[in-house]
Amino acid sequence: MKFTVSNINKFLFFKLPSAYWSGVRLKEISEIRAVTTVKYGWKNQNPFQSMYFAVQAMAAELSTGALVMSKIHQSGKKISMLVANNNSTFTKKATGKIFFVCEDGVKLDEALTKVVETGEGVTVWMQSVGKNENGEQVSVMNFEWTLKLKR
């Protein structure tokens, strides 16, 4: 699969339908960053008139995971990926359109180089920052990805 925004969003539909139906979409992917969006609405609300935390987590994870998938594909190696740990901080109600940005491409490159060179499993923490349309931070989420060569 070619790693384009459109193809990743199709992947969501078939492989992660709960994220897709909640409104999570990849908007941008490059060598160093990925951006996802999700718009607050009836299907992803909590009882407090804001976006349910798990929907934010799906969008944030996709911003990190899309980078991981893309870079593994570019490497030409068979490398497994799995979230081992995560943590979150919520700083403002998430309403309107929320943008999650991960800019850890360089950090990920270093981790993947180590995996390929050593053959050992590696973990890398990647961060996604969620902001509303006014640029106000609503959440920060960190994901610890484990990366390991498949044998």
N, C-alpha and C. Protein backbone atom coordinates (compact mmCIF):
# COMPACT_ATOMS: atom_id res chain seq x y z
N MET A 1 0.85 -1.18 0.00
CA MET A 1 0.00 0.00 0.00
C MET A 1 0.89 1.24 0.00
N LYS A 2 0.60 2.17 -0.88
CA LYS A 2 1.29 3.45 -0.89
C LYS A 2 0.75 4.29 0.26
N PHE A 3 1.63 4.95 0.99
CA PHE A 3 1.22 5.71 2.16
C PHE A 3 0.84 7.13 1.79
N THR A 4 -0.43 7.29 1.43
CA THR A 4 -1.00 8.60 1.17
C THR A 4 -2.09 8.85 2.20
N VAL A 5 -2.48 10.09 2.33
CA VAL A 5 -3.55 10.45 3.26
C VAL A 5 -4.81 9.65 2.91
N SER A 6 -5.15 9.61 1.64
CA SER A 6 -6.36 8.90 1.20
C SER A 6 -6.30 7.42 1.54
N ASN A 7 -5.16 6.78 1.30
CA ASN A 7 -5.05 5.35 1.59
C ASN A 7 -5.09 5.06 3.08
N ILE A 8 -4.51 5.92 3.89
CA ILE A 8 -4.58 5.71 5.34
C ILE A 8 -6.02 5.86 5.81
N ASN A 9 -6.75 6.80 5.27
CA ASN A 9 -8.16 6.96 5.66
C ASN A 9 -9.00 5.77 5.20
N LYS A 10 -8.68 5.18 4.06
CA LYS A 10 -9.36 3.94 3.63
C LYS A 10 -9.01 2.80 4.60
N PHE A 11 -7.75 2.74 4.99
CA PHE A 11 -7.30 1.75 5.97
C PHE A 11 -8.12 1.89 7.26
N LEU A 12 -8.35 3.12 7.70
CA LEU A 12 -9.17 3.35 8.90
C LEU A 12 -10.55 2.74 8.73
N PHE A 13 -11.17 2.97 7.60
CA PHE A 13 -12.52 2.49 7.35
C PHE A 13 -12.59 0.97 7.51
N PHE A 14 -11.62 0.26 6.95
CA PHE A 14 -11.67 -1.20 6.95
C PHE A 14 -11.05 -1.85 8.19
N LYS A 15 -10.02 -1.24 8.76
CA LYS A 15 -9.29 -1.88 9.85
C LYS A 15 -9.51 -1.25 11.22
N LEU A 16 -9.94 0.00 11.27
CA LEU A 16 -10.21 0.69 12.53
C LEU A 16 -11.54 1.44 12.41
N PRO A 17 -12.63 0.70 12.19
CA PRO A 17 -13.91 1.38 11.91
C PRO A 17 -14.41 2.26 13.04
N SER A 18 -14.10 1.94 14.28
CA SER A 18 -14.56 2.81 15.37
C SER A 18 -13.93 4.19 15.28
N ALA A 19 -12.68 4.27 14.87
CA ALA A 19 -12.04 5.57 14.67
C ALA A 19 -12.67 6.29 13.48
N TYR A 20 -12.88 5.56 12.40
CA TYR A 20 -13.45 6.17 11.20
C TYR A 20 -14.84 6.73 11.49
N TRP A 21 -15.71 5.94 12.10
CA TRP A 21 -17.08 6.39 12.35
C TRP A 21 -17.14 7.47 13.42
N SER A 22 -16.10 7.58 14.24
CA SER A 22 -16.04 8.68 15.22
C SER A 22 -15.59 9.98 14.58
N GLY A 23 -15.14 9.91 13.33
CA GLY A 23 -14.74 11.12 12.61
C GLY A 23 -13.25 11.37 12.52
N VAL A 24 -12.44 10.44 12.99
CA VAL A 24 -10.98 10.60 12.95
C VAL A 24 -10.50 10.49 11.50
N ARG A 25 -9.66 11.44 11.08
CA ARG A 25 -9.11 11.43 9.74
C ARG A 25 -7.66 11.91 9.76
N LEU A 26 -6.84 11.27 8.93
CA LEU A 26 -5.49 11.77 8.71
C LEU A 26 -5.59 12.91 7.71
N LYS A 27 -4.95 14.03 7.99
CA LYS A 27 -4.99 15.20 7.10
C LYS A 27 -3.66 15.46 6.42
N GLU A 28 -2.56 15.07 7.07
CA GLU A 28 -1.23 15.38 6.52
C GLU A 28 -0.23 14.37 7.04
N ILE A 29 0.70 13.97 6.18
CA ILE A 29 1.82 13.13 6.62
C ILE A 29 3.05 13.52 5.81
N SER A 30 4.17 13.63 6.51
CA SER A 30 5.45 13.96 5.86
C SER A 30 6.54 13.14 6.55
N GLU A 31 7.76 13.46 6.26
CA GLU A 31 8.88 12.75 6.87
C GLU A 31 8.99 13.01 8.37
N ILE A 32 8.54 14.18 8.81
CA ILE A 32 8.74 14.53 10.21
C ILE A 32 7.46 14.67 11.02
N ARG A 33 6.30 14.76 10.34
CA ARG A 33 5.09 14.98 11.12
C ARG A 33 3.86 14.38 10.46
N ALA A 34 2.87 14.17 11.32
CA ALA A 34 1.56 13.73 10.85
C ALA A 34 0.51 14.53 11.61
N VAL A 35 -0.58 14.85 10.91
CA VAL A 35 -1.67 15.63 11.50
C VAL A 35 -2.97 14.87 11.27
N THR A 36 -3.72 14.70 12.35
CA THR A 36 -5.05 14.11 12.26
C THR A 36 -6.06 15.13 12.77
N THR A 37 -7.31 14.92 12.39
CA THR A 37 -8.39 15.79 12.87
C THR A 37 -9.57 14.94 13.30
N VAL A 38 -10.38 15.54 14.14
CA VAL A 38 -11.66 14.95 14.52
C VAL A 38 -12.54 16.11 14.98
N LYS A 39 -13.79 16.09 14.56
CA LYS A 39 -14.71 17.17 14.89
C LYS A 39 -15.70 16.69 15.94
N TYR A 40 -15.84 17.49 16.98
CA TYR A 40 -16.79 17.18 18.05
C TYR A 40 -18.20 17.14 17.49
N GLY A 41 -18.95 16.13 17.90
CA GLY A 41 -20.34 16.01 17.49
C GLY A 41 -21.06 14.94 18.30
N TRP A 42 -22.27 14.68 17.90
CA TRP A 42 -23.13 13.75 18.64
C TRP A 42 -22.49 12.37 18.79
N LYS A 43 -21.85 11.87 17.73
CA LYS A 43 -21.34 10.49 17.77
C LYS A 43 -20.05 10.32 18.56
N ASN A 44 -19.42 11.40 19.00
CA ASN A 44 -18.19 11.26 19.78
C ASN A 44 -18.20 12.10 21.05
N GLN A 45 -19.39 12.42 21.51
CA GLN A 45 -19.54 13.28 22.69
C GLN A 45 -19.45 12.49 24.01
N ASN A 46 -19.19 13.22 25.06
CA ASN A 46 -19.33 12.68 26.42
C ASN A 46 -20.49 13.44 27.08
N PRO A 47 -20.86 13.11 28.30
CA PRO A 47 -22.00 13.80 28.94
C PRO A 47 -21.72 15.25 29.34
N PHE A 48 -20.50 15.73 29.11
CA PHE A 48 -20.10 17.06 29.57
C PHE A 48 -19.95 18.06 28.43
N GLN A 49 -20.62 17.79 27.32
CA GLN A 49 -20.61 18.67 26.14
C GLN A 49 -19.20 18.89 25.56
N SER A 50 -18.43 17.82 25.54
CA SER A 50 -17.13 17.86 24.88
C SER A 50 -16.83 16.48 24.31
N MET A 51 -15.71 16.36 23.64
CA MET A 51 -15.35 15.11 22.98
C MET A 51 -14.89 14.07 23.99
N TYR A 52 -15.38 12.87 23.83
CA TYR A 52 -15.00 11.74 24.67
C TYR A 52 -13.49 11.52 24.59
N PHE A 53 -12.87 11.27 25.72
CA PHE A 53 -11.41 11.15 25.77
C PHE A 53 -10.87 10.05 24.85
N ALA A 54 -11.61 8.96 24.71
CA ALA A 54 -11.12 7.84 23.88
C ALA A 54 -11.07 8.23 22.41
N VAL A 55 -11.96 9.10 21.97
CA VAL A 55 -11.92 9.57 20.59
C VAL A 55 -10.68 10.43 20.38
N GLN A 56 -10.37 11.26 21.35
CA GLN A 56 -9.13 12.04 21.27
C GLN A 56 -7.92 11.11 21.21
N ALA A 57 -7.96 10.05 22.00
CA ALA A 57 -6.84 9.10 22.01
C ALA A 57 -6.69 8.40 20.66
N MET A 58 -7.81 8.06 20.02
CA MET A 58 -7.72 7.43 18.70
C MET A 58 -7.07 8.37 17.68
N ALA A 59 -7.47 9.63 17.71
CA ALA A 59 -6.90 10.60 16.77
C ALA A 59 -5.42 10.85 17.07
N ALA A 60 -5.09 10.95 18.34
CA ALA A 60 -3.69 11.18 18.72
C ALA A 60 -2.83 9.98 18.37
N GLU A 61 -3.32 8.78 18.64
CA GLU A 61 -2.56 7.58 18.31
C GLU A 61 -2.32 7.48 16.81
N LEU A 62 -3.34 7.81 16.02
CA LEU A 62 -3.17 7.76 14.57
C LEU A 62 -2.09 8.72 14.10
N SER A 63 -1.97 9.88 14.72
CA SER A 63 -0.93 10.82 14.29
C SER A 63 0.46 10.24 14.53
N THR A 64 0.62 9.45 15.57
CA THR A 64 1.92 8.80 15.81
C THR A 64 2.04 7.52 14.98
N GLY A 65 0.99 6.73 14.97
CA GLY A 65 1.02 5.44 14.28
C GLY A 65 1.17 5.55 12.77
N ALA A 66 0.57 6.57 12.17
CA ALA A 66 0.71 6.75 10.72
C ALA A 66 2.18 7.01 10.37
N LEU A 67 2.86 7.78 11.21
CA LEU A 67 4.30 8.01 10.99
C LEU A 67 5.07 6.70 11.10
N VAL A 68 4.74 5.91 12.12
CA VAL A 68 5.43 4.63 12.31
C VAL A 68 5.21 3.72 11.10
N MET A 69 3.96 3.58 10.68
CA MET A 69 3.65 2.72 9.54
C MET A 69 4.37 3.19 8.28
N SER A 70 4.35 4.48 8.05
CA SER A 70 4.97 5.04 6.85
C SER A 70 6.47 4.78 6.83
N LYS A 71 7.12 5.01 7.95
CA LYS A 71 8.58 4.85 7.99
C LYS A 71 8.99 3.37 7.95
N ILE A 72 8.18 2.50 8.53
CA ILE A 72 8.46 1.07 8.40
C ILE A 72 8.35 0.66 6.93
N HIS A 73 7.32 1.14 6.27
CA HIS A 73 7.14 0.83 4.85
C HIS A 73 8.32 1.34 4.03
N GLN A 74 8.78 2.55 4.31
CA GLN A 74 9.91 3.14 3.60
C GLN A 74 11.20 2.34 3.83
N SER A 75 11.33 1.74 5.00
CA SER A 75 12.56 1.00 5.33
C SER A 75 12.69 -0.28 4.50
N GLY A 76 11.58 -0.81 4.04
CA GLY A 76 11.62 -2.06 3.30
C GLY A 76 11.83 -3.28 4.18
N LYS A 77 11.87 -3.08 5.47
CA LYS A 77 12.08 -4.17 6.43
C LYS A 77 10.74 -4.60 7.02
N LYS A 78 10.71 -5.83 7.50
CA LYS A 78 9.52 -6.31 8.21
C LYS A 78 9.73 -6.03 9.69
N ILE A 79 9.01 -5.02 10.19
CA ILE A 79 9.16 -4.57 11.57
C ILE A 79 7.77 -4.52 12.19
N SER A 80 7.65 -5.14 13.35
CA SER A 80 6.37 -5.10 14.05
C SER A 80 6.30 -3.82 14.89
N MET A 81 5.08 -3.37 15.11
CA MET A 81 4.84 -2.16 15.90
C MET A 81 3.66 -2.41 16.82
N LEU A 82 3.78 -1.92 18.04
CA LEU A 82 2.72 -2.10 19.02
C LEU A 82 2.84 -1.03 20.10
N VAL A 83 1.71 -0.48 20.52
CA VAL A 83 1.72 0.46 21.64
C VAL A 83 1.86 -0.33 22.93
N ALA A 84 2.88 0.00 23.71
CA ALA A 84 3.12 -0.68 24.98
C ALA A 84 2.61 0.12 26.16
N ASN A 85 2.52 1.43 25.98
CA ASN A 85 2.16 2.29 27.11
C ASN A 85 1.66 3.61 26.55
N ASN A 86 0.86 4.30 27.32
CA ASN A 86 0.46 5.66 26.93
C ASN A 86 0.04 6.44 28.16
N ASN A 87 0.05 7.76 28.01
CA ASN A 87 -0.46 8.64 29.05
C ASN A 87 -1.01 9.89 28.41
N SER A 88 -1.89 10.55 29.13
CA SER A 88 -2.58 11.71 28.57
C SER A 88 -2.76 12.79 29.62
N THR A 89 -2.80 14.03 29.13
CA THR A 89 -3.14 15.18 29.96
C THR A 89 -4.17 15.99 29.19
N PHE A 90 -5.27 16.31 29.87
CA PHE A 90 -6.34 17.09 29.25
C PHE A 90 -6.37 18.46 29.89
N THR A 91 -6.31 19.51 29.06
CA THR A 91 -6.17 20.87 29.59
C THR A 91 -7.35 21.77 29.29
N LYS A 92 -8.23 21.36 28.38
CA LYS A 92 -9.37 22.19 28.00
C LYS A 92 -10.41 21.28 27.35
N LYS A 93 -11.68 21.65 27.46
CA LYS A 93 -12.74 20.89 26.80
C LYS A 93 -12.47 20.85 25.30
N ALA A 94 -12.61 19.67 24.71
CA ALA A 94 -12.41 19.51 23.28
C ALA A 94 -13.75 19.67 22.57
N THR A 95 -13.95 20.83 21.95
CA THR A 95 -15.15 21.10 21.16
C THR A 95 -14.71 21.67 19.83
N GLY A 96 -15.56 21.59 18.84
CA GLY A 96 -15.19 22.04 17.50
C GLY A 96 -14.26 21.05 16.85
N LYS A 97 -13.46 21.51 15.92
CA LYS A 97 -12.51 20.65 15.22
C LYS A 97 -11.19 20.65 15.98
N ILE A 98 -10.69 19.44 16.26
CA ILE A 98 -9.45 19.29 17.01
C ILE A 98 -8.40 18.71 16.07
N PHE A 99 -7.21 19.29 16.12
CA PHE A 99 -6.07 18.87 15.31
C PHE A 99 -5.04 18.22 16.23
N PHE A 100 -4.61 17.01 15.90
CA PHE A 100 -3.56 16.33 16.66
C PHE A 100 -2.31 16.28 15.80
N VAL A 101 -1.21 16.79 16.34
CA VAL A 101 0.03 16.90 15.58
C VAL A 101 1.13 16.13 16.30
N CYS A 102 1.77 15.23 15.56
CA CYS A 102 2.97 14.54 16.04
C CYS A 102 4.12 14.97 15.15
N GLU A 103 5.19 15.46 15.76
CA GLU A 103 6.36 15.92 15.01
C GLU A 103 7.62 15.16 15.41
N ASP A 104 7.46 13.86 15.63
CA ASP A 104 8.56 13.03 16.11
C ASP A 104 9.20 12.16 15.04
N GLY A 105 9.13 12.58 13.78
CA GLY A 105 9.71 11.80 12.69
C GLY A 105 11.20 11.54 12.84
N VAL A 106 11.95 12.54 13.28
CA VAL A 106 13.40 12.37 13.44
C VAL A 106 13.70 11.38 14.56
N LYS A 107 12.99 11.51 15.66
CA LYS A 107 13.16 10.57 16.78
C LYS A 107 12.85 9.14 16.34
N LEU A 108 11.81 9.00 15.54
CA LEU A 108 11.42 7.68 15.03
C LEU A 108 12.48 7.12 14.09
N ASP A 109 13.05 7.97 13.24
CA ASP A 109 14.14 7.53 12.35
C ASP A 109 15.28 6.92 13.14
N GLU A 110 15.65 7.57 14.24
CA GLU A 110 16.75 7.08 15.08
C GLU A 110 16.41 5.71 15.67
N ALA A 111 15.18 5.55 16.14
CA ALA A 111 14.76 4.28 16.72
C ALA A 111 14.76 3.17 15.67
N LEU A 112 14.24 3.45 14.48
CA LEU A 112 14.19 2.43 13.43
C LEU A 112 15.59 2.05 12.95
N THR A 113 16.49 3.02 12.89
CA THR A 113 17.88 2.72 12.53
C THR A 113 18.48 1.76 13.54
N LYS A 114 18.22 1.99 14.80
CA LYS A 114 18.74 1.12 15.86
C LYS A 114 18.16 -0.29 15.75
N VAL A 115 16.87 -0.39 15.45
CA VAL A 115 16.24 -1.70 15.29
C VAL A 115 16.91 -2.48 14.16
N VAL A 116 17.10 -1.83 13.03
CA VAL A 116 17.68 -2.49 11.86
C VAL A 116 19.14 -2.85 12.10
N GLU A 117 19.91 -1.93 12.70
CA GLU A 117 21.35 -2.18 12.90
C GLU A 117 21.62 -3.24 13.94
N THR A 118 20.84 -3.26 15.03
CA THR A 118 21.12 -4.18 16.13
C THR A 118 20.28 -5.45 16.09
N GLY A 119 19.15 -5.39 15.42
CA GLY A 119 18.24 -6.54 15.44
C GLY A 119 17.48 -6.68 16.74
N GLU A 120 17.69 -5.75 17.63
CA GLU A 120 17.02 -5.78 18.94
C GLU A 120 15.74 -4.95 18.91
N GLY A 121 14.82 -5.28 19.78
CA GLY A 121 13.62 -4.48 19.92
C GLY A 121 13.94 -3.14 20.56
N VAL A 122 13.19 -2.13 20.18
CA VAL A 122 13.41 -0.77 20.68
C VAL A 122 12.05 -0.17 21.03
N THR A 123 12.05 0.69 22.03
CA THR A 123 10.84 1.45 22.31
C THR A 123 11.13 2.92 22.06
N VAL A 124 10.09 3.63 21.64
CA VAL A 124 10.23 5.06 21.39
C VAL A 124 8.94 5.74 21.83
N TRP A 125 9.08 6.79 22.64
CA TRP A 125 7.94 7.59 23.05
C TRP A 125 7.69 8.66 22.01
N MET A 126 6.44 8.76 21.58
CA MET A 126 6.05 9.78 20.60
C MET A 126 4.90 10.57 21.19
N GLN A 127 4.91 11.87 20.93
CA GLN A 127 3.91 12.77 21.50
C GLN A 127 3.01 13.36 20.42
N SER A 128 1.74 13.49 20.77
CA SER A 128 0.77 14.15 19.92
C SER A 128 0.07 15.23 20.73
N VAL A 129 0.05 16.44 20.19
CA VAL A 129 -0.57 17.57 20.87
C VAL A 129 -1.86 17.92 20.15
N GLY A 130 -2.95 17.95 20.92
CA GLY A 130 -4.26 18.29 20.37
C GLY A 130 -4.58 19.76 20.62
N LYS A 131 -4.97 20.45 19.54
CA LYS A 131 -5.35 21.86 19.66
C LYS A 131 -6.67 22.09 18.94
N ASN A 132 -7.44 23.05 19.44
CA ASN A 132 -8.69 23.40 18.80
C ASN A 132 -8.44 24.38 17.65
N GLU A 133 -9.51 24.82 17.01
CA GLU A 133 -9.39 25.71 15.85
C GLU A 133 -8.79 27.07 16.19
N ASN A 134 -8.83 27.44 17.48
CA ASN A 134 -8.23 28.70 17.92
C ASN A 134 -6.76 28.54 18.30
N GLY A 135 -6.23 27.32 18.15
CA GLY A 135 -4.84 27.06 18.50
C GLY A 135 -4.61 26.80 19.98
N GLU A 136 -5.71 26.64 20.74
CA GLU A 136 -5.59 26.37 22.17
C GLU A 136 -5.41 24.87 22.40
N GLN A 137 -4.43 24.53 23.22
CA GLN A 137 -4.16 23.13 23.52
C GLN A 137 -5.32 22.54 24.33
N VAL A 138 -5.79 21.37 23.89
CA VAL A 138 -6.85 20.68 24.64
C VAL A 138 -6.33 19.41 25.30
N SER A 139 -5.29 18.80 24.72
CA SER A 139 -4.73 17.59 25.32
C SER A 139 -3.33 17.32 24.76
N VAL A 140 -2.58 16.56 25.53
CA VAL A 140 -1.27 16.07 25.12
C VAL A 140 -1.27 14.58 25.41
N MET A 141 -0.92 13.79 24.40
CA MET A 141 -0.91 12.33 24.58
C MET A 141 0.42 11.77 24.14
N ASN A 142 0.92 10.87 24.92
CA ASN A 142 2.20 10.22 24.65
C ASN A 142 1.97 8.72 24.48
N PHE A 143 2.62 8.16 23.47
CA PHE A 143 2.50 6.74 23.16
C PHE A 143 3.88 6.12 23.10
N GLU A 144 4.07 5.02 23.81
CA GLU A 144 5.33 4.27 23.75
C GLU A 144 5.16 3.15 22.74
N TRP A 145 5.80 3.30 21.60
CA TRP A 145 5.74 2.28 20.55
C TRP A 145 6.89 1.31 20.71
N THR A 146 6.61 0.02 20.59
CA THR A 146 7.66 -0.99 20.55
C THR A 146 7.87 -1.37 19.09
N LEU A 147 9.11 -1.45 18.70
CA LEU A 147 9.48 -1.76 17.33
C LEU A 147 10.44 -2.94 17.37
N LYS A 148 10.17 -3.95 16.53
CA LYS A 148 10.99 -5.15 16.57
C LYS A 148 11.03 -5.78 15.18
N LEU A 149 12.22 -6.22 14.76
CA LEU A 149 12.34 -6.92 13.49
C LEU A 149 11.58 -8.23 13.54
N LYS A 150 10.82 -8.50 12.50
CA LYS A 150 10.15 -9.81 12.40
C LYS A 150 11.14 -10.80 11.83
N ARG A 151 11.10 -11.99 12.34
CA ARG A 151 12.03 -13.04 11.86
C ARG A 151 11.29 -14.11 11.12
